[in-house]
Amino acid sequence: MKQKKSQQYLTALLAVIAGVLMVFLIYHQLMSLKAARQEALSLESALTQTNSQLQSLVKLQKQAVNIQEQIDKLEQVMPAEPLEDLLIKDLQANASIHDLHLLEISFDDYINQKDYGEIPFNFTLEGQYLGLLDFLKDLQRGPRAVLIKEIKITKEEPDLPIITINVTASTFFTNE
């Protein structure tokens, strides 16, 4: 009987020890699960932040393309060098489009400003009045900045629809 009680006592003690061990293991598993969930939330937050940064970088990349296009346009409007030869070609091409004759073009000395240079020039065109108007409109809309300072219109022959236009203007370069 003592042996039975001792066996029962030992069995009960082992059951209690096994129960405590099971509770400890379950508690340890719950704490590990809680830590894993916390780490998953932290990783999810980091992933959200990384996605936000990636979207910002994609937007910046798209903006960089637009900014480069604007820089290219500005370099046409105000090139880094005088490029008088290209200005002459542009004026001749524009005159031809509007059935005008570019009779003369002359450049004055550059006027150096702090951040840019100014190229004063004069040119003479001959043609019909509407062609001259269209020429001037296209000149103002053209790829290069041109400031028209003075226009003189004369008509040599009263019977013909041909007029002569003398233009005093300036264009610019960035003086780099």
C-alpha atoms as a PDB file:
ATOM      1  CA  MET A   1       0.000   0.000   0.000  1.00  0.00           C
ATOM      2  CA  LYS A   2       2.871   2.295   0.760  1.00  0.00           C
ATOM      3  CA  GLN A   3       4.228   1.395  -2.564  1.00  0.00           C
ATOM      4  CA  LYS A   4       0.946   2.217  -4.267  1.00  0.00           C
ATOM      5  CA  LYS A   5       0.746   5.555  -2.514  1.00  0.00           C
ATOM      6  CA  SER A   6       4.321   6.255  -3.350  1.00  0.00           C
ATOM      7  CA  GLN A   7       3.639   5.289  -6.956  1.00  0.00           C
ATOM      8  CA  GLN A   8       0.530   7.455  -7.011  1.00  0.00           C
ATOM      9  CA  TYR A   9       2.459  10.277  -5.380  1.00  0.00           C
ATOM     10  CA  LEU A  10       5.246   9.860  -7.947  1.00  0.00           C
ATOM     11  CA  THR A  11       2.723   9.731 -10.775  1.00  0.00           C
ATOM     12  CA  ALA A  12       0.992  12.836  -9.475  1.00  0.00           C
ATOM     13  CA  LEU A  13       4.328  14.581  -9.063  1.00  0.00           C
ATOM     14  CA  LEU A  14       5.322  13.629 -12.588  1.00  0.00           C
ATOM     15  CA  ALA A  15       1.938  14.827 -13.870  1.00  0.00           C
ATOM     16  CA  VAL A  16       2.371  18.145 -12.082  1.00  0.00           C
ATOM     17  CA  ILE A  17       5.941  18.493 -13.411  1.00  0.00           C
ATOM     18  CA  ALA A  18       4.706  17.572 -16.919  1.00  0.00           C
ATOM     19  CA  GLY A  19       1.866  20.111 -16.578  1.00  0.00           C
ATOM     20  CA  VAL A  20       4.242  22.854 -15.420  1.00  0.00           C
ATOM     21  CA  LEU A  21       6.632  21.951 -18.239  1.00  0.00           C
ATOM     22  CA  MET A  22       3.751  22.079 -20.755  1.00  0.00           C
ATOM     23  CA  VAL A  23       2.610  25.463 -19.410  1.00  0.00           C
ATOM     24  CA  PHE A  24       6.211  26.728 -19.633  1.00  0.00           C
ATOM     25  CA  LEU A  25       6.543  25.432 -23.219  1.00  0.00           C
ATOM     26  CA  ILE A  26       3.192  26.956 -24.228  1.00  0.00           C
ATOM     27  CA  TYR A  27       4.148  30.260 -22.592  1.00  0.00           C
ATOM     28  CA  HIS A  28       7.504  30.173 -24.418  1.00  0.00           C
ATOM     29  CA  GLN A  29       5.723  29.423 -27.735  1.00  0.00           C
ATOM     30  CA  LEU A  30       3.246  32.259 -27.144  1.00  0.00           C
ATOM     31  CA  MET A  31       6.091  34.679 -26.438  1.00  0.00           C
ATOM     32  CA  SER A  32       7.886  33.509 -29.611  1.00  0.00           C
ATOM     33  CA  LEU A  33       4.660  33.956 -31.588  1.00  0.00           C
ATOM     34  CA  LYS A  34       4.208  37.438 -30.141  1.00  0.00           C
ATOM     35  CA  ALA A  35       7.814  38.358 -31.070  1.00  0.00           C
ATOM     36  CA  ALA A  36       7.338  36.953 -34.580  1.00  0.00           C
ATOM     37  CA  ARG A  37       4.140  38.976 -35.039  1.00  0.00           C
ATOM     38  CA  GLN A  38       5.904  42.108 -33.794  1.00  0.00           C
ATOM     39  CA  GLU A  39       8.763  41.494 -36.247  1.00  0.00           C
ATOM     40  CA  ALA A  40       6.257  40.881 -39.058  1.00  0.00           C
ATOM     41  CA  LEU A  41       4.556  44.213 -38.262  1.00  0.00           C
ATOM     42  CA  SER A  42       7.940  45.933 -38.212  1.00  0.00           C
ATOM     43  CA  LEU A  43       8.893  44.383 -41.554  1.00  0.00           C
ATOM     44  CA  GLU A  44       5.513  45.321 -43.020  1.00  0.00           C
ATOM     45  CA  SER A  45       6.010  48.909 -41.876  1.00  0.00           C
ATOM     46  CA  ALA A  46       9.514  48.950 -43.380  1.00  0.00           C
ATOM     47  CA  LEU A  47       8.127  47.512 -46.629  1.00  0.00           C
ATOM     48  CA  THR A  48       5.439  50.215 -46.767  1.00  0.00           C
ATOM     49  CA  GLN A  49       8.055  52.904 -46.178  1.00  0.00           C
ATOM     50  CA  THR A  50      10.333  51.400 -48.847  1.00  0.00           C
ATOM     51  CA  ASN A  51       7.435  51.295 -51.334  1.00  0.00           C
ATOM     52  CA  SER A  52       6.695  54.944 -50.587  1.00  0.00           C
ATOM     53  CA  GLN A  53      10.337  55.860 -51.174  1.00  0.00           C
ATOM     54  CA  LEU A  54      10.354  53.856 -54.412  1.00  0.00           C
ATOM     55  CA  GLN A  55       7.260  55.707 -55.649  1.00  0.00           C
ATOM     56  CA  SER A  56       8.948  59.020 -54.810  1.00  0.00           C
ATOM     57  CA  LEU A  57      12.039  57.977 -56.748  1.00  0.00           C
ATOM     58  CA  VAL A  58       9.935  56.957 -59.755  1.00  0.00           C
ATOM     59  CA  LYS A  59       8.223  60.371 -59.679  1.00  0.00           C
ATOM     60  CA  LEU A  60      11.608  62.081 -59.458  1.00  0.00           C
ATOM     61  CA  GLN A  61      12.864  60.047 -62.393  1.00  0.00           C
ATOM     62  CA  LYS A  62       9.879  61.154 -64.482  1.00  0.00           C
ATOM     63  CA  GLN A  63      10.453  64.745 -63.390  1.00  0.00           C
ATOM     64  CA  ALA A  64      14.119  64.442 -64.358  1.00  0.00           C
ATOM     65  CA  VAL A  65      13.103  63.605 -67.927  1.00  0.00           C
ATOM     66  CA  ASN A  66      10.809  66.653 -68.040  1.00  0.00           C
ATOM     67  CA  ILE A  67      13.466  68.884 -66.529  1.00  0.00           C
ATOM     68  CA  GLN A  68      16.029  67.684 -69.078  1.00  0.00           C
ATOM     69  CA  GLU A  69      13.576  68.478 -71.886  1.00  0.00           C
ATOM     70  CA  GLN A  70      13.102  71.966 -70.457  1.00  0.00           C
ATOM     71  CA  ILE A  71      16.874  72.442 -70.198  1.00  0.00           C
ATOM     72  CA  ASP A  72      17.257  71.384 -73.839  1.00  0.00           C
ATOM     73  CA  LYS A  73      14.600  73.914 -74.891  1.00  0.00           C
ATOM     74  CA  LEU A  74      16.246  76.659 -72.849  1.00  0.00           C
ATOM     75  CA  GLU A  75      19.607  75.868 -74.432  1.00  0.00           C
ATOM     76  CA  GLN A  76      17.980  76.436 -77.825  1.00  0.00           C
ATOM     77  CA  VAL A  77      16.403  79.701 -76.697  1.00  0.00           C
ATOM     78  CA  MET A  78      19.681  80.925 -75.225  1.00  0.00           C
ATOM     79  CA  PRO A  79      22.630  78.803 -76.398  1.00  0.00           C
ATOM     80  CA  ALA A  80      25.994  78.719 -74.627  1.00  0.00           C
ATOM     81  CA  GLU A  81      27.738  80.305 -77.627  1.00  0.00           C
ATOM     82  CA  PRO A  82      26.723  83.084 -80.046  1.00  0.00           C
ATOM     83  CA  LEU A  83      26.064  80.660 -82.957  1.00  0.00           C
ATOM     84  CA  GLU A  84      25.603  83.458 -85.469  1.00  0.00           C
ATOM     85  CA  ASP A  85      25.774  81.006 -88.361  1.00  0.00           C
ATOM     86  CA  LEU A  86      22.699  79.129 -87.065  1.00  0.00           C
ATOM     87  CA  LEU A  87      20.848  82.413 -86.595  1.00  0.00           C
ATOM     88  CA  ILE A  88      21.566  83.329 -90.232  1.00  0.00           C
ATOM     89  CA  LYS A  89      20.335  79.904 -91.391  1.00  0.00           C
ATOM     90  CA  ASP A  90      17.158  80.257 -89.294  1.00  0.00           C
ATOM     91  CA  LEU A  91      16.469  83.732 -90.706  1.00  0.00           C
ATOM     92  CA  GLN A  92      17.049  82.528 -94.290  1.00  0.00           C
ATOM     93  CA  ALA A  93      14.834  79.470 -93.804  1.00  0.00           C
ATOM     94  CA  ASN A  94      12.062  81.548 -92.233  1.00  0.00           C
ATOM     95  CA  ALA A  95      12.311  84.116 -95.065  1.00  0.00           C
ATOM     96  CA  SER A  96      12.089  81.365 -97.705  1.00  0.00           C
ATOM     97  CA  ILE A  97       8.987  79.879 -96.107  1.00  0.00           C
ATOM     98  CA  HIS A  98       7.208  83.232 -96.429  1.00  0.00           C
ATOM     99  CA  ASP A  99       8.473  84.055 -99.965  1.00  0.00           C
ATOM    100  CA  LEU A 100      10.779  86.803 -98.714  1.00  0.00           C
ATOM    101  CA  HIS A 101      14.324  87.726 -99.691  1.00  0.00           C
ATOM    102  CA  LEU A 102      16.887  88.227 -96.953  1.00  0.00           C
ATOM    103  CA  LEU A 103      18.905  91.010 -98.516  1.00  0.00           C
ATOM    104  CA  GLU A 104      21.371  91.797 -95.768  1.00  0.00           C
ATOM    105  CA  ILE A 105      22.334  90.874 -92.230  1.00  0.00           C
ATOM    106  CA  SER A 106      24.992  92.464 -90.041  1.00  0.00           C
ATOM    107  CA  PHE A 107      26.107  91.908 -86.470  1.00  0.00           C
ATOM    108  CA  ASP A 108      27.291  94.557 -84.057  1.00  0.00           C
ATOM    109  CA  ASP A 109      29.733  94.036 -81.190  1.00  0.00           C
ATOM    110  CA  TYR A 110      28.549  91.768 -78.391  1.00  0.00           C
ATOM    111  CA  ILE A 111      27.286  93.375 -75.237  1.00  0.00           C
ATOM    112  CA  ASN A 112      28.491  91.338 -72.265  1.00  0.00           C
ATOM    113  CA  GLN A 113      26.194  91.286 -69.256  1.00  0.00           C
ATOM    114  CA  LYS A 114      26.823  89.502 -65.954  1.00  0.00           C
ATOM    115  CA  ASP A 115      25.204  86.162 -66.854  1.00  0.00           C
ATOM    116  CA  TYR A 116      24.661  86.434 -70.584  1.00  0.00           C
ATOM    117  CA  GLY A 117      25.827  88.040 -73.771  1.00  0.00           C
ATOM    118  CA  GLU A 118      23.696  90.079 -76.150  1.00  0.00           C
ATOM    119  CA  ILE A 119      24.261  90.015 -79.914  1.00  0.00           C
ATOM    120  CA  PRO A 120      22.792  93.095 -81.585  1.00  0.00           C
ATOM    121  CA  PHE A 121      22.081  92.606 -85.273  1.00  0.00           C
ATOM    122  CA  ASN A 122      20.301  94.246 -88.199  1.00  0.00           C
ATOM    123  CA  PHE A 123      18.729  92.620 -91.205  1.00  0.00           C
ATOM    124  CA  THR A 124      16.807  93.676 -94.279  1.00  0.00           C
ATOM    125  CA  LEU A 125      14.008  91.720 -95.927  1.00  0.00           C
ATOM    126  CA  GLU A 126      12.046  92.311 -99.073  1.00  0.00           C
ATOM    127  CA  GLY A 127       8.632  90.874 -99.907  1.00  0.00           C
ATOM    128  CA  GLN A 128       4.923  91.277 -99.495  1.00  0.00           C
ATOM    129  CA  TYR A 129       3.399  92.740 -96.336  1.00  0.00           C
ATOM    130  CA  LEU A 130       1.566  89.591 -95.150  1.00  0.00           C
ATOM    131  CA  GLY A 131       4.694  87.489 -95.653  1.00  0.00           C
ATOM    132  CA  LEU A 132       6.641  89.963 -93.542  1.00  0.00           C
ATOM    133  CA  LEU A 133       4.049  89.780 -90.782  1.00  0.00           C
ATOM    134  CA  ASP A 134       4.136  85.977 -90.794  1.00  0.00           C
ATOM    135  CA  PHE A 135       7.947  86.080 -90.788  1.00  0.00           C
ATOM    136  CA  LEU A 136       7.960  88.281 -87.686  1.00  0.00           C
ATOM    137  CA  LYS A 137       5.420  86.038 -85.912  1.00  0.00           C
ATOM    138  CA  ASP A 138       7.528  82.959 -86.642  1.00  0.00           C
ATOM    139  CA  LEU A 139      10.667  84.775 -85.518  1.00  0.00           C
ATOM    140  CA  GLN A 140       9.090  85.484 -82.132  1.00  0.00           C
ATOM    141  CA  ARG A 141       7.863  81.880 -81.803  1.00  0.00           C
ATOM    142  CA  GLY A 142      11.126  80.416 -83.044  1.00  0.00           C
ATOM    143  CA  PRO A 143      13.547  78.288 -81.096  1.00  0.00           C
ATOM    144  CA  ARG A 144      15.869  81.175 -80.248  1.00  0.00           C
ATOM    145  CA  ALA A 145      15.115  84.256 -78.146  1.00  0.00           C
ATOM    146  CA  VAL A 146      15.043  87.355 -80.359  1.00  0.00           C
ATOM    147  CA  LEU A 147      14.261  90.836 -79.095  1.00  0.00           C
ATOM    148  CA  ILE A 148      13.017  93.134 -81.874  1.00  0.00           C
ATOM    149  CA  LYS A 149      13.997  96.702 -81.032  1.00  0.00           C
ATOM    150  CA  GLU A 150      13.018  98.602 -84.164  1.00  0.00           C
ATOM    151  CA  ILE A 151      11.249  97.985 -87.478  1.00  0.00           C
ATOM    152  CA  LYS A 152      11.359 100.342 -90.462  1.00  0.00           C
ATOM    153  CA  ILE A 153       9.094  99.632 -93.413  1.00  0.00           C
ATOM    154  CA  THR A 154       9.611 101.305 -96.775  1.00  0.00           C
ATOM    155  CA  LYS A 155       8.030 100.917-100.175  1.00  0.00           C
ATOM    156  CA  GLU A 156      10.321 101.608-103.113  1.00  0.00           C
ATOM    157  CA  GLU A 157       7.829 101.331-105.956  1.00  0.00           C
ATOM    158  CA  PRO A 158       4.269 102.566-105.313  1.00  0.00           C
ATOM    159  CA  ASP A 159       2.787 100.336-108.032  1.00  0.00           C
ATOM    160  CA  LEU A 160       4.262  97.022-106.740  1.00  0.00           C
ATOM    161  CA  PRO A 161       3.118  95.136-103.590  1.00  0.00           C
ATOM    162  CA  ILE A 162       6.751  94.685-102.538  1.00  0.00           C
ATOM    163  CA  ILE A 163       8.017  96.404 -99.393  1.00  0.00           C
ATOM    164  CA  THR A 164      11.375  96.484 -97.641  1.00  0.00           C
ATOM    165  CA  ILE A 165      11.712  95.976 -93.911  1.00  0.00           C
ATOM    166  CA  ASN A 166      14.765  96.911 -91.856  1.00  0.00           C
ATOM    167  CA  VAL A 167      14.867  95.262 -88.444  1.00  0.00           C
ATOM    168  CA  THR A 168      17.095  96.066 -85.503  1.00  0.00           C
ATOM    169  CA  ALA A 169      17.123  93.184 -83.043  1.00  0.00           C
ATOM    170  CA  SER A 170      19.172  91.273 -80.488  1.00  0.00           C
ATOM    171  CA  THR A 171      19.612  87.649 -79.604  1.00  0.00           C
ATOM    172  CA  PHE A 172      21.362  86.182 -76.605  1.00  0.00           C
ATOM    173  CA  PHE A 173      23.757  83.525 -75.373  1.00  0.00           C
ATOM    174  CA  THR A 174      24.565  82.320 -71.854  1.00  0.00           C
ATOM    175  CA  ASN A 175      28.159  83.583 -71.831  1.00  0.00           C
ATOM    176  CA  GLU A 176      29.543  80.379 -70.237  1.00  0.00           C
END
